[in-house]
């Protein structure tokens, strides 16, 4: 007897209206800003350790200038390798998050390359202050979500 036009029936909540803003129709939940910041700290620490190792090897080989030439390609390769193959950097794996397209699918290699190139734009890290997503997320139509 649940008549949709019955003025005396109890009000029904709209499921879409009850969904939090950072939960999409695919039921994936966006990572919090604090988790995204932890990802940044972990990945930067690992990147610096990698650069230190490259620097030590370049000095041992007798080509110290080689270490400085390899720092930017190393950063680019770090993000492309991990996000392209695993969908997550080591920082994201530790915090149990991953990169997905807006619709929840695995990102394409073009999106991974775009995310990585966008990180080289000055003040990209500050782009998170105004909204929940940084430029490298918005420009490539990707997001970082929690893994259950």
Protein backbone atom coordinates (compact mmCIF):
# COMPACT_ATOMS: atom_id res chain seq x y z
CA UNK A 1 0.00 0.00 0.00
CA UNK A 2 2.92 2.35 -0.45
CA UNK A 3 1.37 4.91 -2.74
CA UNK A 4 3.91 7.46 -3.99
CA UNK A 5 1.23 10.15 -4.17
CA UNK A 6 -0.18 9.55 -0.68
CA UNK A 7 0.13 12.84 1.25
CA UNK A 8 -0.06 10.92 4.54
CA UNK A 9 2.87 8.57 3.88
CA UNK A 10 6.15 9.05 5.77
CA UNK A 11 8.75 11.16 3.95
CA UNK A 12 11.50 9.24 2.18
CA UNK A 13 15.10 10.37 2.04
CA UNK A 14 16.81 10.64 -1.32
CA UNK A 15 19.80 8.25 -1.29
CA UNK A 16 21.84 10.58 -3.49
CA UNK A 17 21.26 13.47 -1.07
CA UNK A 18 22.54 11.37 1.83
CA UNK A 19 25.80 10.52 0.05
CA UNK A 20 28.78 12.59 1.34
CA UNK A 21 30.29 15.00 -1.18
CA UNK A 22 33.51 12.99 -1.52
CA UNK A 23 31.75 9.67 -2.20
CA UNK A 24 30.90 9.06 -5.84
CA UNK A 25 28.30 6.72 -7.33
CA UNK A 26 30.96 3.98 -7.45
CA UNK A 27 31.11 4.01 -3.61
CA UNK A 28 34.82 4.86 -3.58
CA UNK A 29 35.76 7.41 -0.93
CA UNK A 30 38.30 10.12 -1.67
CA UNK A 31 41.38 10.18 0.54
CA UNK A 32 41.48 12.88 3.20
CA UNK A 33 43.85 15.83 2.86
CA UNK A 34 45.91 14.55 5.81
CA UNK A 35 46.40 11.20 4.06
CA UNK A 36 47.34 12.97 0.82
CA UNK A 37 49.91 15.00 2.79
CA UNK A 38 51.31 11.78 4.31
CA UNK A 39 51.61 10.37 0.76
CA UNK A 40 53.62 13.44 -0.23
CA UNK A 41 55.96 13.17 2.78
CA UNK A 42 56.57 9.44 2.30
CA UNK A 43 57.13 9.72 -1.46
CA UNK A 44 59.43 12.74 -1.09
CA UNK A 45 61.47 10.92 1.56
CA UNK A 46 61.85 7.88 -0.69
CA UNK A 47 62.68 10.09 -3.67
CA UNK A 48 65.38 11.92 -1.69
CA UNK A 49 66.84 8.59 -0.56
CA UNK A 50 66.88 7.45 -4.20
CA UNK A 51 68.62 10.68 -5.25
CA UNK A 52 71.15 10.25 -2.46
CA UNK A 53 71.93 6.74 -3.73
CA UNK A 54 72.29 8.03 -7.28
CA UNK A 55 74.58 10.79 -6.03
CA UNK A 56 76.79 8.35 -4.15
CA UNK A 57 77.01 6.05 -7.18
CA UNK A 58 77.82 8.95 -9.50
CA UNK A 59 80.69 10.03 -7.21
CA UNK A 60 81.98 6.45 -6.98
CA UNK A 61 81.93 6.20 -10.77
CA UNK A 62 83.88 9.47 -11.00
CA UNK A 63 81.08 11.50 -12.64
CA UNK A 64 79.59 13.63 -9.82
CA UNK A 65 77.73 15.86 -12.30
CA UNK A 66 75.76 12.81 -13.43
CA UNK A 67 73.85 12.80 -10.13
CA UNK A 68 72.49 16.29 -10.69
CA UNK A 69 71.48 15.45 -14.26
CA UNK A 70 69.45 12.46 -13.09
CA UNK A 71 67.38 14.06 -10.31
CA UNK A 72 64.44 15.32 -12.41
CA UNK A 73 64.23 12.24 -14.65
CA UNK A 74 64.30 10.13 -11.47
CA UNK A 75 61.31 12.00 -10.03
CA UNK A 76 59.41 11.68 -13.30
CA UNK A 77 60.24 7.98 -13.56
CA UNK A 78 59.31 7.36 -9.91
CA UNK A 79 55.73 8.55 -10.35
CA UNK A 80 55.22 7.13 -13.86
CA UNK A 81 56.57 3.72 -12.88
CA UNK A 82 54.60 3.28 -9.66
CA UNK A 83 51.32 4.93 -10.69
CA UNK A 84 51.45 3.41 -14.18
CA UNK A 85 52.04 -0.17 -13.02
CA UNK A 86 50.52 -0.33 -9.53
CA UNK A 87 48.12 2.63 -9.59
CA UNK A 88 49.86 3.85 -6.45
CA UNK A 89 53.22 5.13 -5.29
CA UNK A 90 54.89 3.57 -2.23
CA UNK A 91 53.41 6.39 -0.14
CA UNK A 92 49.93 5.56 -1.39
CA UNK A 93 50.49 1.84 -0.81
CA UNK A 94 51.52 2.53 2.80
CA UNK A 95 48.48 4.76 3.43
CA UNK A 96 46.18 2.32 1.58
CA UNK A 97 45.15 4.69 -1.20
CA UNK A 98 45.36 4.54 -4.99
CA UNK A 99 44.88 6.67 -8.08
CA UNK A 100 41.75 6.14 -10.17
CA UNK A 101 39.92 7.94 -12.94
CA UNK A 102 36.89 10.02 -11.95
CA UNK A 103 34.65 7.02 -12.70
CA UNK A 104 36.74 4.68 -10.53
CA UNK A 105 38.60 2.89 -13.35
CA UNK A 106 42.36 2.39 -13.48
CA UNK A 107 44.06 5.52 -14.91
CA UNK A 108 45.39 5.43 -18.44
CA UNK A 109 49.09 5.89 -19.13
CA UNK A 110 48.24 9.31 -20.57
CA UNK A 111 46.60 10.32 -17.31
CA UNK A 112 49.59 9.05 -15.32
CA UNK A 113 51.97 11.02 -17.58
CA UNK A 114 49.75 14.09 -17.22
CA UNK A 115 49.63 13.76 -13.41
CA UNK A 116 53.39 13.47 -13.27
CA UNK A 117 54.04 16.41 -15.62
CA UNK A 118 51.55 18.53 -13.64
CA UNK A 119 53.63 18.01 -10.50
CA UNK A 120 56.39 20.09 -12.09
CA UNK A 121 54.08 23.13 -12.31
CA UNK A 122 55.13 25.64 -9.64
CA UNK A 123 52.79 25.72 -6.64
CA UNK A 124 51.02 22.48 -7.57
CA UNK A 125 51.29 21.38 -3.93
CA UNK A 126 49.55 24.59 -2.86
CA UNK A 127 46.64 23.91 -5.22
CA UNK A 128 45.17 21.62 -2.54
CA UNK A 129 44.48 24.57 -0.23
CA UNK A 130 41.39 25.80 -2.10
CA UNK A 131 39.74 22.44 -2.72
CA UNK A 132 40.09 18.76 -2.02
CA UNK A 133 41.89 18.05 -5.29
CA UNK A 134 45.15 19.41 -6.61
CA UNK A 135 45.82 20.57 -10.12
CA UNK A 136 47.37 17.23 -11.06
CA UNK A 137 44.04 15.60 -10.12
CA UNK A 138 41.72 18.10 -11.78
CA UNK A 139 43.69 18.52 -15.01
CA UNK A 140 43.88 14.77 -15.61
CA UNK A 141 40.40 13.88 -14.30
CA UNK A 142 41.79 11.52 -11.66
CA UNK A 143 41.39 11.22 -7.91
CA UNK A 144 43.00 9.40 -5.00
CA UNK A 145 40.71 7.04 -3.11
CA UNK A 146 40.93 4.86 -0.03
CA UNK A 147 41.39 1.12 -0.49
CA UNK A 148 39.11 -0.97 1.71
